[in-house]
Protein backbone atom coordinates (compact mmCIF):
# COMPACT_ATOMS: atom_id res chain seq x y z
CA MET A 1 -20.16 -18.63 -3.93
CA ILE A 2 -16.47 -17.76 -3.87
CA PRO A 3 -16.18 -14.07 -2.89
CA PHE A 4 -13.36 -11.79 -3.95
CA ASN A 5 -12.29 -11.20 -0.35
CA LYS A 6 -13.09 -12.54 3.10
CA PRO A 7 -11.49 -10.91 6.15
CA TYR A 8 -9.53 -13.45 8.19
CA LEU A 9 -9.91 -13.57 11.98
CA THR A 10 -7.26 -15.35 14.02
CA GLY A 11 -9.60 -15.88 16.98
CA GLN A 12 -7.74 -13.55 19.36
CA GLU A 13 -9.09 -10.23 18.11
CA THR A 14 -12.04 -9.97 20.52
CA HIS A 15 -9.90 -11.20 23.42
CA TYR A 16 -7.37 -8.41 22.89
CA ILE A 17 -10.11 -5.84 22.30
CA GLU A 18 -11.68 -6.82 25.63
CA ASP A 19 -8.27 -6.53 27.29
CA ALA A 20 -7.78 -3.09 25.76
CA VAL A 21 -11.13 -1.94 27.08
CA LYS A 22 -10.31 -3.23 30.54
CA THR A 23 -7.11 -1.18 30.65
CA GLY A 24 -9.32 1.90 30.88
CA LYS A 25 -7.52 3.61 27.96
CA ILE A 26 -9.10 3.02 24.57
CA SER A 27 -8.63 6.43 22.92
CA GLY A 28 -5.30 5.55 21.29
CA ASN A 29 -1.55 5.54 21.87
CA GLY A 30 -1.91 2.99 24.64
CA LYS A 31 -0.61 -0.52 25.30
CA TYR A 32 -1.55 -2.13 21.98
CA THR A 33 -0.56 0.85 19.86
CA LYS A 34 2.91 0.71 21.37
CA MET A 35 3.15 -3.08 20.94
CA CYS A 36 2.25 -2.85 17.25
CA GLN A 37 4.62 0.02 16.56
CA ASP A 38 7.50 -1.68 18.38
CA PHE A 39 6.94 -4.87 16.38
CA PHE A 40 7.16 -3.13 13.01
CA GLU A 41 10.23 -1.13 14.01
CA GLN A 42 12.07 -4.21 15.24
CA GLN A 43 10.91 -6.64 12.56
CA TYR A 44 11.44 -4.48 9.49
CA GLY A 45 14.00 -1.89 10.51
CA PHE A 46 11.66 1.10 10.32
CA LYS A 47 13.04 4.07 12.24
CA LYS A 48 9.74 5.35 13.66
CA CYS A 49 6.23 3.92 13.28
CA LEU A 50 2.95 5.64 14.10
CA LEU A 51 -0.34 3.80 13.67
CA THR A 52 -3.03 5.80 11.86
CA THR A 53 -6.72 5.38 11.18
CA SER A 54 -6.00 4.62 7.49
CA CYS A 55 -3.27 4.60 4.89
CA THR A 56 -4.90 7.74 3.49
CA ASP A 57 -4.23 9.48 6.81
CA ALA A 58 -0.64 8.24 6.76
CA LEU A 59 -0.18 9.68 3.26
CA GLU A 60 -1.68 12.99 4.37
CA MET A 61 0.82 13.07 7.21
CA CYS A 62 3.58 12.44 4.66
CA ALA A 63 2.41 15.41 2.61
CA ILE A 64 2.45 17.66 5.69
CA LEU A 65 5.87 16.43 6.81
CA ALA A 66 7.26 16.95 3.30
CA ASP A 67 6.08 20.58 3.59
CA ILE A 68 4.22 20.36 0.30
CA GLN A 69 3.15 23.88 -0.72
CA PRO A 70 0.86 25.22 -3.47
CA GLY A 71 2.72 24.97 -6.77
CA ASP A 72 5.02 22.14 -5.71
CA GLU A 73 5.06 19.15 -8.05
CA VAL A 74 4.83 15.53 -6.92
CA ILE A 75 5.42 12.60 -9.29
CA ILE A 76 3.18 9.57 -8.81
CA PRO A 77 2.00 6.70 -11.02
CA SER A 78 -1.38 7.15 -12.68
CA TYR A 79 -2.25 3.53 -11.96
CA THR A 80 -2.93 3.79 -8.25
CA PHE A 81 -5.69 4.48 -5.75
CA VAL A 82 -6.94 8.05 -5.42
CA SER A 83 -5.48 8.41 -1.90
CA THR A 84 -1.95 8.46 -3.33
CA ALA A 85 -2.76 11.64 -5.23
CA ILE A 86 -5.29 13.39 -3.04
CA ALA A 87 -2.99 13.53 -0.01
CA PHE A 88 -0.74 15.92 -1.95
CA ILE A 89 -3.48 17.75 -3.81
CA ARG A 90 -4.98 18.75 -0.45
CA GLN A 91 -1.70 20.57 0.25
CA GLY A 92 -1.94 22.42 -3.06
CA ALA A 93 0.51 20.33 -5.08
CA LYS A 94 0.39 19.72 -8.79
CA VAL A 95 0.43 15.98 -9.33
CA VAL A 96 2.48 14.84 -12.30
CA PHE A 97 1.43 11.38 -13.41
CA ALA A 98 3.92 8.78 -14.62
CA ASP A 99 3.21 5.70 -16.71
CA SER A 100 3.58 2.06 -15.66
CA TYR A 101 5.93 -0.49 -17.18
CA TYR A 102 4.56 -2.45 -20.12
CA ASP A 103 4.59 -5.72 -18.19
CA ASN A 104 4.24 -4.42 -14.63
CA PRO A 105 1.77 -1.94 -13.06
CA ASN A 106 4.54 -0.25 -11.05
CA ILE A 107 5.90 3.17 -12.00
CA ASP A 108 8.28 3.05 -14.99
CA VAL A 109 11.47 4.46 -13.49
CA GLY A 110 12.82 5.20 -16.95
CA LYS A 111 10.07 7.78 -17.41
CA ILE A 112 10.60 9.67 -14.15
CA GLU A 113 13.64 11.86 -14.87
CA SER A 114 12.00 13.61 -17.83
CA LEU A 115 9.16 14.66 -15.50
CA ILE A 116 11.42 16.33 -12.93
CA THR A 117 11.40 20.14 -12.94
CA PRO A 118 12.70 22.80 -10.51
CA LYS A 119 9.25 22.61 -8.85
CA THR A 120 9.42 18.88 -8.16
CA LYS A 121 9.38 18.14 -4.43
CA ALA A 122 8.82 14.39 -4.15
CA ILE A 123 8.51 11.05 -5.93
CA VAL A 124 5.84 8.67 -4.65
CA PRO A 125 6.43 5.08 -5.82
CA VAL A 126 3.51 2.70 -5.25
CA HIS A 127 4.45 -0.94 -4.65
CA TYR A 128 1.54 -2.46 -6.56
CA ALA A 129 0.47 -5.92 -5.35
CA GLY A 130 3.24 -5.72 -2.76
CA VAL A 131 5.90 -6.00 -5.49
CA ALA A 132 8.80 -3.57 -5.13
CA CYS A 133 9.38 -0.65 -7.43
CA ASP A 134 12.98 -0.22 -8.59
CA MET A 135 13.99 1.58 -5.40
CA ASP A 136 17.72 1.74 -6.14
CA ALA A 137 17.01 3.71 -9.30
CA ILE A 138 14.39 5.89 -7.62
CA MET A 139 16.64 6.74 -4.67
CA SER A 140 19.45 7.55 -7.08
CA LEU A 141 17.22 10.05 -8.89
CA ALA A 142 16.08 11.51 -5.58
CA ASN A 143 19.67 12.02 -4.46
CA LYS A 144 20.62 13.56 -7.79
CA TYR A 145 17.82 16.13 -7.68
CA ASN A 146 17.49 16.50 -3.88
CA LEU A 147 13.95 15.10 -3.78
CA LEU A 148 11.99 13.28 -1.10
CA VAL A 149 10.82 9.73 -1.68
CA ILE A 150 7.52 8.72 -0.10
CA GLU A 151 6.71 5.04 -0.48
CA ASP A 152 3.04 4.14 -0.87
CA ALA A 153 3.41 0.70 0.66
CA ALA A 154 -0.31 0.17 1.25
CA GLN A 155 -0.13 -3.37 -0.16
CA ALA A 156 3.46 -4.13 0.74
CA ILE A 157 3.70 -5.39 4.31
CA ASP A 158 6.32 -8.14 4.67
CA SER A 159 7.71 -7.55 1.19
CA PHE A 160 11.26 -6.60 0.28
CA HIS A 161 13.51 -4.91 -2.24
CA VAL A 162 16.63 -6.85 -3.23
CA ASN A 163 19.69 -4.92 -4.40
CA LYS A 164 22.25 -6.23 -6.89
CA ASP A 165 24.34 -7.63 -4.03
CA GLY A 166 21.38 -9.69 -2.83
CA LYS A 167 20.73 -7.58 0.26
CA LYS A 168 17.06 -7.33 1.23
CA ARG A 169 15.42 -4.22 2.65
CA ALA A 170 11.79 -4.13 3.74
CA LEU A 171 9.53 -2.05 1.56
CA GLY A 172 8.65 1.07 3.49
CA SER A 173 12.14 1.28 5.01
CA ILE A 174 13.89 2.77 1.98
CA GLY A 175 12.22 6.10 1.27
CA HIS A 176 12.28 9.07 3.61
CA LEU A 177 8.65 8.37 4.54
CA SER A 178 6.16 5.61 3.82
CA ALA A 179 2.55 4.61 4.39
CA PHE A 180 0.91 1.22 4.97
CA SER A 181 -2.69 0.00 5.00
CA PHE A 182 -4.43 -2.51 7.29
CA HIS A 183 -7.75 -2.33 5.45
CA GLU A 184 -9.75 -5.56 5.46
CA THR A 185 -8.47 -6.46 1.97
CA LYS A 186 -4.80 -6.41 3.02
CA ASN A 187 -2.58 -9.26 4.26
CA ILE A 188 -2.94 -8.29 7.91
CA ILE A 189 -5.94 -6.22 8.83
CA ALA A 190 -7.64 -4.02 11.39
CA GLY A 191 -10.88 -3.38 9.46
CA GLU A 192 -9.64 0.10 8.70
CA GLY A 193 -6.21 1.24 9.78
CA GLY A 194 -2.83 2.32 8.55
CA MET A 195 0.67 3.30 9.57
CA LEU A 196 3.11 6.11 8.93
CA VAL A 197 6.76 5.09 8.79
CA VAL A 198 9.44 7.75 9.25
CA ASN A 199 12.93 6.73 8.15
CA ASP A 200 14.51 10.19 8.09
CA GLU A 201 15.50 11.61 11.48
CA ARG A 202 14.51 15.11 10.36
CA PHE A 203 10.83 14.20 10.47
CA VAL A 204 10.59 12.05 13.61
CA HIS A 205 9.79 14.72 16.19
CA ARG A 206 7.32 16.64 14.04
CA ALA A 207 5.53 13.46 12.94
CA GLU A 208 4.43 12.72 16.49
CA ILE A 209 3.12 16.27 16.93
CA ILE A 210 1.12 16.14 13.68
CA TRP A 211 -0.20 12.72 14.76
CA GLU A 212 -1.44 14.23 18.03
CA LYS A 213 -3.53 17.04 16.51
CA GLY A 214 -0.64 19.50 16.36
CA THR A 215 0.13 19.22 20.07
CA ASN A 216 3.11 17.92 22.06
CA ARG A 217 0.71 15.70 24.04
CA ALA A 218 2.75 12.52 23.52
CA GLU A 219 5.81 14.19 25.04
CA PHE A 220 3.69 15.28 28.01
CA PHE A 221 2.49 11.75 28.72
CA ARG A 222 6.09 10.52 28.58
CA GLY A 223 7.01 13.17 31.17
CA GLU A 224 9.28 15.07 28.76
CA VAL A 225 7.39 18.37 29.16
CA ASN A 226 5.35 19.61 32.12
CA LYS A 227 2.38 20.72 30.01
CA TYR A 228 1.24 20.35 26.45
CA GLY A 229 -0.32 22.72 23.95
CA TRP A 230 -0.86 23.56 20.30
CA VAL A 231 2.51 23.85 18.58
CA ASP A 232 1.95 22.87 14.90
CA THR A 233 -0.62 21.80 12.34
CA GLY A 234 -2.02 18.29 12.54
CA SER A 235 -5.17 16.27 12.96
CA SER A 236 -6.63 13.31 14.83
CA PHE A 237 -4.62 10.73 12.92
CA LEU A 238 -4.07 8.11 15.63
CA PRO A 239 -6.51 5.16 15.88
CA SER A 240 -8.25 3.87 19.00
CA GLU A 241 -6.81 1.04 21.07
CA VAL A 242 -9.64 -1.16 19.75
CA ILE A 243 -8.12 -0.99 16.26
CA ALA A 244 -4.60 -1.54 17.58
CA ALA A 245 -5.73 -4.54 19.67
CA PHE A 246 -7.38 -6.11 16.61
CA LEU A 247 -4.19 -5.53 14.62
CA TRP A 248 -2.03 -7.11 17.32
CA ALA A 249 -3.90 -10.41 16.94
CA GLN A 250 -3.06 -10.33 13.23
CA ILE A 251 0.59 -9.44 13.84
CA GLU A 252 0.98 -12.46 16.12
CA ASN A 253 -0.07 -14.66 13.20
CA ILE A 254 1.72 -12.90 10.37
CA LYS A 255 4.00 -15.85 9.54
CA ASP A 256 1.09 -18.27 9.28
CA ILE A 257 -0.94 -15.78 7.24
CA GLN A 258 1.94 -15.17 4.85
CA ASN A 259 2.69 -18.88 4.42
CA LYS A 260 -0.93 -19.61 3.50
CA ARG A 261 -1.20 -16.67 1.12
CA ASN A 262 2.02 -17.69 -0.63
CA GLU A 263 0.67 -21.22 -1.03
CA ILE A 264 -2.45 -19.86 -2.73
CA TRP A 265 -0.43 -17.50 -4.95
CA ASP A 266 1.95 -20.26 -6.02
CA THR A 267 -0.93 -22.58 -6.90
CA TYR A 268 -2.55 -19.93 -9.07
CA TYR A 269 0.73 -19.14 -10.81
CA ASP A 270 1.93 -22.72 -11.34
CA GLU A 271 -1.38 -24.01 -12.67
CA LEU A 272 -2.01 -21.03 -14.94
CA SER A 273 1.54 -21.34 -16.28
CA LYS A 274 0.73 -24.89 -17.32
CA LEU A 275 -2.49 -23.83 -19.04
CA LYS A 276 -0.62 -21.33 -21.25
CA ILE A 277 -3.74 -19.40 -22.28
CA PRO A 278 -2.60 -17.02 -25.08
CA SER A 279 -4.96 -14.20 -24.10
CA ILE A 280 -3.79 -14.10 -20.47
CA SER A 281 -0.56 -12.69 -19.04
CA LEU A 282 0.55 -13.56 -15.51
CA PRO A 283 2.09 -11.28 -12.86
CA VAL A 284 5.74 -10.32 -13.31
CA ILE A 285 8.05 -10.29 -10.26
CA PRO A 286 11.25 -8.35 -11.14
CA SER A 287 14.61 -9.66 -9.94
CA TYR A 288 14.86 -6.84 -7.40
CA ALA A 289 11.53 -7.72 -5.74
CA THR A 290 10.06 -10.37 -3.47
CA ASN A 291 6.43 -11.45 -3.48
CA ASN A 292 4.27 -10.98 -0.36
CA ALA A 293 1.24 -12.66 -2.00
CA HIS A 294 -0.97 -9.65 -1.55
CA MET A 295 -3.05 -10.35 -4.65
CA PHE A 296 -3.18 -12.48 -7.77
CA TYR A 297 -4.07 -10.72 -10.99
CA LEU A 298 -4.31 -11.55 -14.68
CA VAL A 299 -3.86 -9.19 -17.61
CA LEU A 300 -6.11 -9.80 -20.61
CA GLN A 301 -5.48 -8.43 -24.09
CA ASN A 302 -8.37 -5.97 -24.12
CA ILE A 303 -11.36 -4.80 -22.13
CA ASP A 304 -13.78 -7.06 -24.00
CA GLN A 305 -11.80 -10.16 -23.05
CA ARG A 306 -11.65 -9.01 -19.44
CA THR A 307 -15.41 -8.38 -19.35
CA LYS A 308 -16.01 -11.82 -20.84
CA LEU A 309 -13.81 -13.47 -18.20
CA ILE A 310 -15.43 -11.58 -15.31
CA ASN A 311 -18.94 -12.43 -16.50
CA HIS A 312 -18.01 -16.06 -17.08
CA LEU A 313 -16.62 -16.44 -13.56
CA LYS A 314 -19.59 -14.63 -12.00
CA ASN A 315 -21.90 -17.08 -13.76
CA LYS A 316 -19.96 -19.78 -11.92
CA ASP A 317 -20.50 -17.97 -8.57
CA ILE A 318 -16.89 -16.76 -8.55
CA HIS A 319 -16.35 -13.04 -7.99
CA PRO A 320 -13.24 -11.45 -9.51
CA VAL A 321 -12.87 -7.66 -9.72
CA PHE A 322 -10.98 -5.19 -11.86
CA HIS A 323 -8.88 -2.51 -10.17
CA TYR A 324 -7.80 1.10 -10.61
CA LEU A 325 -8.91 3.50 -13.31
CA SER A 326 -6.07 5.75 -14.53
CA LEU A 327 -6.10 8.87 -12.38
CA HIS A 328 -4.81 11.12 -15.16
CA SER A 329 -8.08 10.60 -17.06
CA SER A 330 -10.38 10.80 -14.02
CA GLU A 331 -13.26 13.29 -13.98
CA PHE A 332 -11.55 15.20 -11.19
CA TYR A 333 -8.09 15.56 -12.75
CA LYS A 334 -8.28 15.11 -16.53
CA ASN A 335 -8.44 18.85 -17.18
CA LYS A 336 -5.37 19.39 -15.00
CA HIS A 337 -3.29 16.65 -16.66
CA ASP A 338 -0.69 17.82 -19.17
CA GLY A 339 -2.09 15.73 -22.01
CA ARG A 340 0.56 13.02 -22.17
CA ALA A 341 -0.74 9.59 -23.17
CA LEU A 342 -0.04 7.00 -20.48
CA ALA A 343 -0.73 3.90 -22.51
CA ASN A 344 0.46 1.27 -20.06
CA SER A 345 -1.55 2.69 -17.18
CA ASP A 346 -4.62 2.67 -19.41
CA LYS A 347 -3.86 -0.90 -20.47
CA PHE A 348 -3.91 -2.11 -16.87
CA SER A 349 -7.07 -0.10 -16.20
CA ASN A 350 -8.77 -1.88 -19.09
CA CYS A 351 -7.22 -5.32 -18.94
CA LEU A 352 -6.24 -6.25 -15.37
CA VAL A 353 -8.52 -8.51 -13.31
CA ARG A 354 -7.96 -9.65 -9.70
CA LEU A 355 -8.89 -13.18 -8.74
CA PRO A 356 -10.40 -14.14 -5.36
CA PHE A 357 -7.64 -14.09 -2.75
CA TYR A 358 -7.92 -14.52 1.01
CA TYR A 359 -6.53 -16.71 3.80
CA GLU A 360 -9.48 -19.12 3.97
CA LEU A 361 -9.56 -19.73 0.23
CA ASP A 362 -8.73 -23.42 0.09
CA ILE A 363 -6.88 -25.20 -2.70
CA VAL A 364 -10.05 -27.00 -3.84
CA GLU A 365 -11.65 -23.59 -4.45
CA VAL A 366 -8.54 -22.35 -6.21
CA LYS A 367 -8.72 -25.38 -8.53
CA GLN A 368 -12.41 -24.61 -9.14
CA ILE A 369 -11.48 -21.08 -10.19
CA LEU A 370 -8.69 -22.38 -12.42
CA ASN A 371 -11.00 -24.92 -14.07
CA SER A 372 -13.51 -22.20 -14.80
CA ILE A 373 -10.80 -20.01 -16.38
CA SER A 374 -9.66 -22.94 -18.54
CA GLU A 375 -13.18 -23.26 -20.01
CA LEU A 376 -12.87 -19.95 -21.83
């Protein structure tokens, strides 16, 4: 059987976990937490990083830092995971859903401006499959209307936006705030885990307080205050040192992991391009984006074709999966949506299928998957 996903272990995870335990501090914000955060800040130019227990927690921190209040409006794509929306709904926001591009699941920037009202507080681009949204255009709109930009970079570690001058900026470093995931399906993993990135100086100090349950505890342990107490809202967002130690083993191997994933992605793309199957469209990487090989997906022409492909591959002991269902038509939110048709989001909900993709997927198995697709 070829599964959809298989978590990759570098071999050092348990060694670092044991080391973390032996330090006598495993509750979080210790040696490995600091090592991980320092790496991301130095490697990708993030201003301030704070590990979290999940990307969902990081997004909830973003919503608190953005001071989202009941009645505020937040623009997000409909084709995304529920965490993107629920983080802001918990603060009382009205989520305004935007459509995807016709050929790309990312938010259609051309549709955003018409959705902006005096109540709009933030735009939340989601870098689907680790492929950049048009961040130059989004930041331009944000500057024009004085809005915050919060990047949902859950799938986007080690991926970049490229401006018209060819300058690369890491995804997650462009918006005012951003959130990453280290869930077991991501490029580098911690089982569960995430990270808040703060790029705007205004939010740095408060982010650490929210992260530490609304206290100035982190300042106390650095010797900056002589006692700590409850000074703001917050929650227990920081992960244990066990999670951070696991993540550190992955960080040490990020170049090797990325090289292997890119090899798999390129094989899928090159071979499927040669097959030229009329009913299948391949991923589109815009000129302003790089590819971090987070996933490989196909877009069929309709839901029946997708179902046929999934069943055919499962009969061959290959396990593809479909992905998001449009949030604007979800049971929870459909009665709150403004009624606009979001045809492209619905198309990807009905037609997109993700192929098996993980570090230990070898090229022989990739060829087996490709051969099975060619039989249709």
